Amino acid sequence: MAKLPTSSEDEVARFLKEVSEAPAPVRGTNERGRLIFAMDATASREPTWDRACHIQSEMFTETSALGGLAVQLLYYRGFGQCRASKWAVNPDQLLRFMTSVRCLGGTTQIRKVLKHAIKENTREKVDALVFVGDAMEEEVDQLCHHAGELGLLNVPVFIFHEGGDPIAERAFRQITRLSGGAYCPFDSGSAQQLKELLSAVAVYAAGGRQALLSYGKKKGGDALRLTHQLQGKN
C-alpha cells in the first residue's frame, strides 16, 4: 500500500504564506472571531475522527488572549445528512458535540458546507471556514461558484486534505484560491503539524495578521516560518 503524502516544507510554507495574505478580519474590540469548522464524517474518515476532535480544542487555547473565538462545527455523513452545532465559545462545548458524532458512509456534501458558510455570514460576519476532508464527489464548477462568493464576502476557506486523492486536491486548491484561503495536505502521521496549522488559522480569525505574527514568534516550528512572510505587513 502506497504511503500517503505528508505536508512537505514547501507545502507548509506556501500554506502559511497564503494564510498571511488572506483578508484581515474586521470587527469591534469586544467581538469574538467566528470560525466554522467543517468536517467530512463519511466512513473513510472514521480512523482519524477522534484525533481531529481533540486537535480542534487547541484553537480555543491559542485565541483566548485575543478576545476569544466562537466556533461552529459542521459535518456531513450518510444519506444527505449535513448538520451544524450551535456556536461554541469554549472547547468543552464543541468537544461534547463532536464526540457524539459517529462516521457514516455516504458521498461528499461540500456544496452544502460552502452554502452554509454564506448563509451564516449574512447573519453575522464569519471570519474563516476550515474544512477537513479526504474526497470530492461533486460538480466542481458549482463548488467554485460558491467559493468565489465566499471570496467576495472576505470569508477565506482553509482546506486540510487528508490523503492523496488527486481529484480532491485539484478541487480543493481551486476552492481555496477563489475564496482567498489556503490548501494544505496532511496524513495521520502529521497530527502535530495539523494542530499547529489549525491553531494558526484560528489565531488569524480571532486577531488578524498581527496576532498571527505574534503567535508564530511564540510557538516556533511551522508557525514561526510564517513570521518571515509577515515582516513589514500590518
C-alpha atoms as a PDB file:
ATOM      1  CA  MET A   1       0.000   0.000   0.000  1.00  0.00           C
ATOM      2  CA  ALA A   2       1.456   3.349  -1.031  1.00  0.00           C
ATOM      3  CA  LYS A   3       2.329   5.819   1.706  1.00  0.00           C
ATOM      4  CA  LEU A   4       0.080   8.847   1.835  1.00  0.00           C
ATOM      5  CA  PRO A   5       1.806  12.188   1.306  1.00  0.00           C
ATOM      6  CA  THR A   6       2.607  14.379   4.261  1.00  0.00           C
ATOM      7  CA  SER A   7       2.905  18.135   4.070  1.00  0.00           C
ATOM      8  CA  SER A   8       6.297  18.966   2.632  1.00  0.00           C
ATOM      9  CA  GLU A   9       8.218  22.030   3.817  1.00  0.00           C
ATOM     10  CA  ASP A  10       7.296  23.781   0.562  1.00  0.00           C
ATOM     11  CA  GLU A  11       3.594  22.982   1.038  1.00  0.00           C
ATOM     12  CA  VAL A  12       3.605  24.235   4.629  1.00  0.00           C
ATOM     13  CA  ALA A  13       5.475  27.393   3.672  1.00  0.00           C
ATOM     14  CA  ARG A  14       3.010  28.027   0.838  1.00  0.00           C
ATOM     15  CA  PHE A  15       0.042  27.417   3.144  1.00  0.00           C
ATOM     16  CA  LEU A  16       1.352  29.802   5.796  1.00  0.00           C
ATOM     17  CA  LYS A  17       2.076  32.455   3.188  1.00  0.00           C
ATOM     18  CA  GLU A  18      -1.491  32.178   1.877  1.00  0.00           C
ATOM     19  CA  VAL A  19      -2.897  32.483   5.410  1.00  0.00           C
ATOM     20  CA  SER A  20      -0.840  35.625   5.891  1.00  0.00           C
ATOM     21  CA  GLU A  21      -2.230  37.124   2.685  1.00  0.00           C
ATOM     22  CA  ALA A  22      -5.894  36.388   3.432  1.00  0.00           C
ATOM     23  CA  PRO A  23      -8.135  39.429   4.026  1.00  0.00           C
ATOM     24  CA  ALA A  24      -7.742  40.633   7.608  1.00  0.00           C
ATOM     25  CA  PRO A  25     -10.829  40.221   9.844  1.00  0.00           C
ATOM     26  CA  VAL A  26     -12.554  43.482  10.749  1.00  0.00           C
ATOM     27  CA  ARG A  27     -14.570  43.731  13.974  1.00  0.00           C
ATOM     28  CA  GLY A  28     -15.154  45.779  17.094  1.00  0.00           C
ATOM     29  CA  THR A  29     -12.769  45.496  20.004  1.00  0.00           C
ATOM     30  CA  ASN A  30     -15.177  43.391  22.102  1.00  0.00           C
ATOM     31  CA  GLU A  31     -16.254  40.958  19.395  1.00  0.00           C
ATOM     32  CA  ARG A  32     -15.042  37.367  19.157  1.00  0.00           C
ATOM     33  CA  GLY A  33     -13.653  35.911  15.985  1.00  0.00           C
ATOM     34  CA  ARG A  34     -16.067  33.480  14.295  1.00  0.00           C
ATOM     35  CA  LEU A  35     -14.814  30.322  12.603  1.00  0.00           C
ATOM     36  CA  ILE A  36     -16.779  27.470  11.018  1.00  0.00           C
ATOM     37  CA  PHE A  37     -15.014  24.123  11.460  1.00  0.00           C
ATOM     38  CA  ALA A  38     -16.403  21.746   8.821  1.00  0.00           C
ATOM     39  CA  MET A  39     -15.591  18.053   8.601  1.00  0.00           C
ATOM     40  CA  ASP A  40     -16.271  15.141   6.311  1.00  0.00           C
ATOM     41  CA  ALA A  41     -17.773  12.470   8.611  1.00  0.00           C
ATOM     42  CA  THR A  42     -18.236   9.787   5.978  1.00  0.00           C
ATOM     43  CA  ALA A  43     -16.922   6.275   6.624  1.00  0.00           C
ATOM     44  CA  SER A  44     -13.453   6.842   5.135  1.00  0.00           C
ATOM     45  CA  ARG A  45     -12.697   9.434   7.827  1.00  0.00           C
ATOM     46  CA  GLU A  46     -13.507   7.226  10.819  1.00  0.00           C
ATOM     47  CA  PRO A  47      -9.876   6.265  11.646  1.00  0.00           C
ATOM     48  CA  THR A  48      -8.865   9.909  12.205  1.00  0.00           C
ATOM     49  CA  TRP A  49     -12.124  11.428  13.509  1.00  0.00           C
ATOM     50  CA  ASP A  50     -11.302  11.082  17.210  1.00  0.00           C
ATOM     51  CA  ARG A  51      -7.887  12.656  16.701  1.00  0.00           C
ATOM     52  CA  ALA A  52      -9.481  15.643  14.976  1.00  0.00           C
ATOM     53  CA  CYS A  53     -11.903  16.044  17.889  1.00  0.00           C
ATOM     54  CA  HIS A  54      -9.013  16.698  20.245  1.00  0.00           C
ATOM     55  CA  ILE A  55      -6.932  18.778  17.858  1.00  0.00           C
ATOM     56  CA  GLN A  56      -9.666  21.386  17.468  1.00  0.00           C
ATOM     57  CA  SER A  57      -9.548  22.272  21.180  1.00  0.00           C
ATOM     58  CA  GLU A  58      -6.139  23.862  20.595  1.00  0.00           C
ATOM     59  CA  MET A  59      -7.849  26.554  18.533  1.00  0.00           C
ATOM     60  CA  PHE A  60      -9.585  27.939  21.615  1.00  0.00           C
ATOM     61  CA  THR A  61      -6.457  27.848  23.761  1.00  0.00           C
ATOM     62  CA  GLU A  62      -4.413  29.930  21.353  1.00  0.00           C
ATOM     63  CA  THR A  63      -7.074  32.612  20.850  1.00  0.00           C
ATOM     64  CA  SER A  64      -8.172  33.281  24.441  1.00  0.00           C
ATOM     65  CA  ALA A  65      -5.834  36.266  24.812  1.00  0.00           C
ATOM     66  CA  LEU A  66      -7.217  37.798  21.588  1.00  0.00           C
ATOM     67  CA  GLY A  67     -10.760  38.137  22.903  1.00  0.00           C
ATOM     68  CA  GLY A  68     -11.687  34.547  22.224  1.00  0.00           C
ATOM     69  CA  LEU A  69     -13.083  32.573  19.342  1.00  0.00           C
ATOM     70  CA  ALA A  70     -16.580  31.337  18.571  1.00  0.00           C
ATOM     71  CA  VAL A  71     -16.575  28.064  16.628  1.00  0.00           C
ATOM     72  CA  GLN A  72     -19.397  26.265  14.899  1.00  0.00           C
ATOM     73  CA  LEU A  73     -18.919  22.612  13.982  1.00  0.00           C
ATOM     74  CA  LEU A  74     -20.451  21.499  10.690  1.00  0.00           C
ATOM     75  CA  TYR A  75     -20.315  17.921   9.452  1.00  0.00           C
ATOM     76  CA  TYR A  76     -21.855  15.755   6.769  1.00  0.00           C
ATOM     77  CA  ARG A  77     -22.305  11.990   6.535  1.00  0.00           C
ATOM     78  CA  GLY A  78     -24.686   9.254   5.411  1.00  0.00           C
ATOM     79  CA  PHE A  79     -27.587   9.955   3.061  1.00  0.00           C
ATOM     80  CA  GLY A  80     -27.810  13.739   2.833  1.00  0.00           C
ATOM     81  CA  GLN A  81     -27.073  14.474   6.495  1.00  0.00           C
ATOM     82  CA  CYS A  82     -25.397  17.843   6.986  1.00  0.00           C
ATOM     83  CA  ARG A  83     -25.689  19.315  10.461  1.00  0.00           C
ATOM     84  CA  ALA A  84     -24.296  22.275  12.348  1.00  0.00           C
ATOM     85  CA  SER A  85     -23.771  22.799  16.062  1.00  0.00           C
ATOM     86  CA  LYS A  86     -24.591  25.943  17.966  1.00  0.00           C
ATOM     87  CA  TRP A  87     -21.774  28.471  18.119  1.00  0.00           C
ATOM     88  CA  ALA A  88     -19.435  27.425  20.936  1.00  0.00           C
ATOM     89  CA  VAL A  89     -17.099  29.688  22.899  1.00  0.00           C
ATOM     90  CA  ASN A  90     -15.145  27.066  24.832  1.00  0.00           C
ATOM     91  CA  PRO A  91     -13.584  23.735  23.820  1.00  0.00           C
ATOM     92  CA  ASP A  92     -15.723  21.601  26.148  1.00  0.00           C
ATOM     93  CA  GLN A  93     -18.927  22.693  24.407  1.00  0.00           C
ATOM     94  CA  LEU A  94     -17.619  21.767  20.997  1.00  0.00           C
ATOM     95  CA  LEU A  95     -15.910  18.573  22.130  1.00  0.00           C
ATOM     96  CA  ARG A  96     -19.172  17.258  23.584  1.00  0.00           C
ATOM     97  CA  PHE A  97     -20.872  17.800  20.252  1.00  0.00           C
ATOM     98  CA  MET A  98     -18.030  16.286  18.224  1.00  0.00           C
ATOM     99  CA  THR A  99     -17.722  13.165  20.362  1.00  0.00           C
ATOM    100  CA  SER A 100     -21.434  12.467  19.922  1.00  0.00           C
ATOM    101  CA  VAL A 101     -20.935  12.156  16.147  1.00  0.00           C
ATOM    102  CA  ARG A 102     -20.113   8.831  14.514  1.00  0.00           C
ATOM    103  CA  CYS A 103     -18.906   8.489  10.945  1.00  0.00           C
ATOM    104  CA  LEU A 104     -21.354   7.009   8.436  1.00  0.00           C
ATOM    105  CA  GLY A 105     -20.891   6.040   4.795  1.00  0.00           C
ATOM    106  CA  GLY A 106     -22.086   8.450   2.130  1.00  0.00           C
ATOM    107  CA  THR A 107     -20.981  10.846  -0.584  1.00  0.00           C
ATOM    108  CA  THR A 108     -19.429  14.279  -0.091  1.00  0.00           C
ATOM    109  CA  GLN A 109     -21.603  17.351   0.534  1.00  0.00           C
ATOM    110  CA  ILE A 110     -19.065  20.139   0.220  1.00  0.00           C
ATOM    111  CA  ARG A 111     -21.500  22.354  -1.648  1.00  0.00           C
ATOM    112  CA  LYS A 112     -23.760  22.369   1.433  1.00  0.00           C
ATOM    113  CA  VAL A 113     -20.767  23.375   3.565  1.00  0.00           C
ATOM    114  CA  LEU A 114     -19.968  26.363   1.351  1.00  0.00           C
ATOM    115  CA  LYS A 115     -23.617  27.451   1.102  1.00  0.00           C
ATOM    116  CA  HIS A 116     -23.965  27.190   4.885  1.00  0.00           C
ATOM    117  CA  ALA A 117     -20.987  29.498   5.375  1.00  0.00           C
ATOM    118  CA  ILE A 118     -22.529  32.035   3.004  1.00  0.00           C
ATOM    119  CA  LYS A 119     -25.828  31.898   4.893  1.00  0.00           C
ATOM    120  CA  GLU A 120     -24.176  32.227   8.314  1.00  0.00           C
ATOM    121  CA  ASN A 121     -22.223  35.229   7.097  1.00  0.00           C
ATOM    122  CA  THR A 122     -25.471  37.051   6.278  1.00  0.00           C
ATOM    123  CA  ARG A 123     -26.491  36.690   9.944  1.00  0.00           C
ATOM    124  CA  GLU A 124     -23.154  37.732  11.428  1.00  0.00           C
ATOM    125  CA  LYS A 125     -19.680  38.035   9.957  1.00  0.00           C
ATOM    126  CA  VAL A 126     -17.775  34.761   9.603  1.00  0.00           C
ATOM    127  CA  ASP A 127     -14.006  35.261   9.649  1.00  0.00           C
ATOM    128  CA  ALA A 128     -12.916  31.908   8.230  1.00  0.00           C
ATOM    129  CA  LEU A 129     -14.126  28.480   7.143  1.00  0.00           C
ATOM    130  CA  VAL A 130     -11.924  25.451   7.868  1.00  0.00           C
ATOM    131  CA  PHE A 131     -12.693  22.184   6.078  1.00  0.00           C
ATOM    132  CA  VAL A 132     -11.076  18.801   6.797  1.00  0.00           C
ATOM    133  CA  GLY A 133     -11.777  16.069   4.263  1.00  0.00           C
ATOM    134  CA  ASP A 134     -10.325  13.405   2.005  1.00  0.00           C
ATOM    135  CA  ALA A 135     -12.592  13.284  -1.066  1.00  0.00           C
ATOM    136  CA  MET A 136     -14.666  15.320  -3.520  1.00  0.00           C
ATOM    137  CA  GLU A 137     -17.540  13.712  -5.467  1.00  0.00           C
ATOM    138  CA  GLU A 138     -19.469  16.754  -6.692  1.00  0.00           C
ATOM    139  CA  GLU A 139     -19.679  19.162  -9.617  1.00  0.00           C
ATOM    140  CA  VAL A 140     -16.511  21.234  -9.382  1.00  0.00           C
ATOM    141  CA  ASP A 141     -17.917  24.288 -11.160  1.00  0.00           C
ATOM    142  CA  GLN A 142     -20.704  24.605  -8.591  1.00  0.00           C
ATOM    143  CA  LEU A 143     -18.212  24.415  -5.738  1.00  0.00           C
ATOM    144  CA  CYS A 144     -16.019  27.024  -7.388  1.00  0.00           C
ATOM    145  CA  HIS A 145     -19.005  29.333  -7.826  1.00  0.00           C
ATOM    146  CA  HIS A 146     -19.749  29.256  -4.098  1.00  0.00           C
ATOM    147  CA  ALA A 147     -16.051  29.587  -3.271  1.00  0.00           C
ATOM    148  CA  GLY A 148     -15.984  32.744  -5.386  1.00  0.00           C
ATOM    149  CA  GLU A 149     -18.981  34.076  -3.467  1.00  0.00           C
ATOM    150  CA  LEU A 150     -17.131  33.497  -0.198  1.00  0.00           C
ATOM    151  CA  GLY A 151     -14.120  35.303  -1.633  1.00  0.00           C
ATOM    152  CA  LEU A 152     -16.265  38.358  -2.375  1.00  0.00           C
ATOM    153  CA  LEU A 153     -17.552  38.209   1.206  1.00  0.00           C
ATOM    154  CA  ASN A 154     -13.992  38.014   2.598  1.00  0.00           C
ATOM    155  CA  VAL A 155     -14.622  34.573   4.098  1.00  0.00           C
ATOM    156  CA  PRO A 156     -11.474  32.582   3.233  1.00  0.00           C
ATOM    157  CA  VAL A 157     -11.669  28.783   3.089  1.00  0.00           C
ATOM    158  CA  PHE A 158      -8.748  26.835   4.585  1.00  0.00           C
ATOM    159  CA  ILE A 159      -8.744  23.188   3.492  1.00  0.00           C
ATOM    160  CA  PHE A 160      -6.793  20.421   5.204  1.00  0.00           C
ATOM    161  CA  HIS A 161      -6.729  17.492   2.787  1.00  0.00           C
ATOM    162  CA  GLU A 162      -6.232  14.044   4.261  1.00  0.00           C
ATOM    163  CA  GLY A 163      -4.776  11.503   1.855  1.00  0.00           C
ATOM    164  CA  GLY A 164      -3.580  11.946  -1.688  1.00  0.00           C
ATOM    165  CA  ASP A 165      -6.651  11.806  -3.920  1.00  0.00           C
ATOM    166  CA  PRO A 166      -5.716  13.935  -6.982  1.00  0.00           C
ATOM    167  CA  ILE A 167      -9.315  14.778  -7.947  1.00  0.00           C
ATOM    168  CA  ALA A 168      -9.996  16.141  -4.478  1.00  0.00           C
ATOM    169  CA  GLU A 169      -6.703  18.027  -4.482  1.00  0.00           C
ATOM    170  CA  ARG A 170      -7.467  19.856  -7.719  1.00  0.00           C
ATOM    171  CA  ALA A 171     -10.915  20.865  -6.478  1.00  0.00           C
ATOM    172  CA  PHE A 172      -9.685  21.873  -3.035  1.00  0.00           C
ATOM    173  CA  ARG A 173      -6.917  24.041  -4.476  1.00  0.00           C
ATOM    174  CA  GLN A 174      -9.422  25.866  -6.676  1.00  0.00           C
ATOM    175  CA  ILE A 175     -11.813  26.423  -3.781  1.00  0.00           C
ATOM    176  CA  THR A 176      -9.112  27.920  -1.582  1.00  0.00           C
ATOM    177  CA  ARG A 177      -7.743  30.076  -4.378  1.00  0.00           C
ATOM    178  CA  LEU A 178     -11.140  31.527  -5.266  1.00  0.00           C
ATOM    179  CA  SER A 179     -12.078  32.205  -1.635  1.00  0.00           C
ATOM    180  CA  GLY A 180      -8.737  33.753  -0.703  1.00  0.00           C
ATOM    181  CA  GLY A 181      -7.837  30.911   1.658  1.00  0.00           C
ATOM    182  CA  ALA A 182      -5.181  28.182   1.587  1.00  0.00           C
ATOM    183  CA  TYR A 183      -4.738  24.446   0.975  1.00  0.00           C
ATOM    184  CA  CYS A 184      -2.568  22.014   2.930  1.00  0.00           C
ATOM    185  CA  PRO A 185      -2.308  18.207   2.706  1.00  0.00           C
ATOM    186  CA  PHE A 186      -1.785  16.025   5.766  1.00  0.00           C
ATOM    187  CA  ASP A 187      -1.924  12.401   6.870  1.00  0.00           C
ATOM    188  CA  SER A 188      -2.392  10.520  10.121  1.00  0.00           C
ATOM    189  CA  GLY A 189       1.306  10.891  10.886  1.00  0.00           C
ATOM    190  CA  SER A 190       1.254  14.697  10.855  1.00  0.00           C
ATOM    191  CA  ALA A 191      -1.192  15.342  13.718  1.00  0.00           C
ATOM    192  CA  GLN A 192       1.129  17.792  15.489  1.00  0.00           C
ATOM    193  CA  GLN A 193       1.624  19.781  12.309  1.00  0.00           C
ATOM    194  CA  LEU A 194      -2.131  19.845  11.700  1.00  0.00           C
ATOM    195  CA  LYS A 195      -2.669  21.080  15.253  1.00  0.00           C
ATOM    196  CA  GLU A 196      -0.209  23.957  14.787  1.00  0.00           C
ATOM    197  CA  LEU A 197      -1.609  24.999  11.409  1.00  0.00           C
ATOM    198  CA  LEU A 198      -5.218  24.847  12.624  1.00  0.00           C
ATOM    199  CA  SER A 199      -4.234  26.994  15.582  1.00  0.00           C
ATOM    200  CA  ALA A 200      -2.574  29.460  13.220  1.00  0.00           C
ATOM    201  CA  VAL A 201      -5.823  29.796  11.239  1.00  0.00           C
ATOM    202  CA  ALA A 202      -7.788  30.261  14.471  1.00  0.00           C
ATOM    203  CA  VAL A 203      -5.411  32.989  15.633  1.00  0.00           C
ATOM    204  CA  TYR A 204      -5.783  34.694  12.255  1.00  0.00           C
ATOM    205  CA  ALA A 205      -9.602  34.528  12.534  1.00  0.00           C
ATOM    206  CA  ALA A 206      -9.538  35.980  16.036  1.00  0.00           C
ATOM    207  CA  GLY A 207      -6.904  38.675  15.639  1.00  0.00           C
ATOM    208  CA  GLY A 208      -5.733  39.076  12.055  1.00  0.00           C
ATOM    209  CA  ARG A 209      -2.204  39.125  10.649  1.00  0.00           C
ATOM    210  CA  GLN A 210      -0.545  40.914  13.557  1.00  0.00           C
ATOM    211  CA  ALA A 211      -1.853  38.317  16.001  1.00  0.00           C
ATOM    212  CA  LEU A 212      -0.621  35.588  13.688  1.00  0.00           C
ATOM    213  CA  LEU A 213       2.834  37.172  13.640  1.00  0.00           C
ATOM    214  CA  SER A 214       2.967  37.166  17.446  1.00  0.00           C
ATOM    215  CA  TYR A 215       1.738  33.578  17.550  1.00  0.00           C
ATOM    216  CA  GLY A 216       4.491  32.466  15.204  1.00  0.00           C
ATOM    217  CA  LYS A 217       7.188  34.070  17.321  1.00  0.00           C
ATOM    218  CA  LYS A 218       5.802  32.384  20.444  1.00  0.00           C
ATOM    219  CA  LYS A 219       5.241  28.886  19.062  1.00  0.00           C
ATOM    220  CA  GLY A 220       8.156  28.406  16.686  1.00  0.00           C
ATOM    221  CA  GLY A 221       8.132  25.449  14.292  1.00  0.00           C
ATOM    222  CA  ASP A 222       5.783  25.695  11.328  1.00  0.00           C
ATOM    223  CA  ALA A 223       4.081  28.739  12.806  1.00  0.00           C
ATOM    224  CA  LEU A 224       7.412  30.540  13.178  1.00  0.00           C
ATOM    225  CA  ARG A 225       8.062  30.050   9.480  1.00  0.00           C
ATOM    226  CA  LEU A 226       5.085  32.285   8.832  1.00  0.00           C
ATOM    227  CA  THR A 227       6.678  35.223  10.637  1.00  0.00           C
ATOM    228  CA  HIS A 228       9.256  35.522   7.881  1.00  0.00           C
ATOM    229  CA  GLN A 229       6.397  36.002   5.423  1.00  0.00           C
ATOM    230  CA  LEU A 230       4.849  38.706   7.601  1.00  0.00           C
ATOM    231  CA  GLN A 231       7.744  41.082   8.145  1.00  0.00           C
ATOM    232  CA  GLY A 232       6.629  44.564   7.205  1.00  0.00           C
ATOM    233  CA  LYS A 233       2.917  43.643   6.961  1.00  0.00           C
ATOM    234  CA  ASN A 234       0.145  45.082   9.136  1.00  0.00           C
END
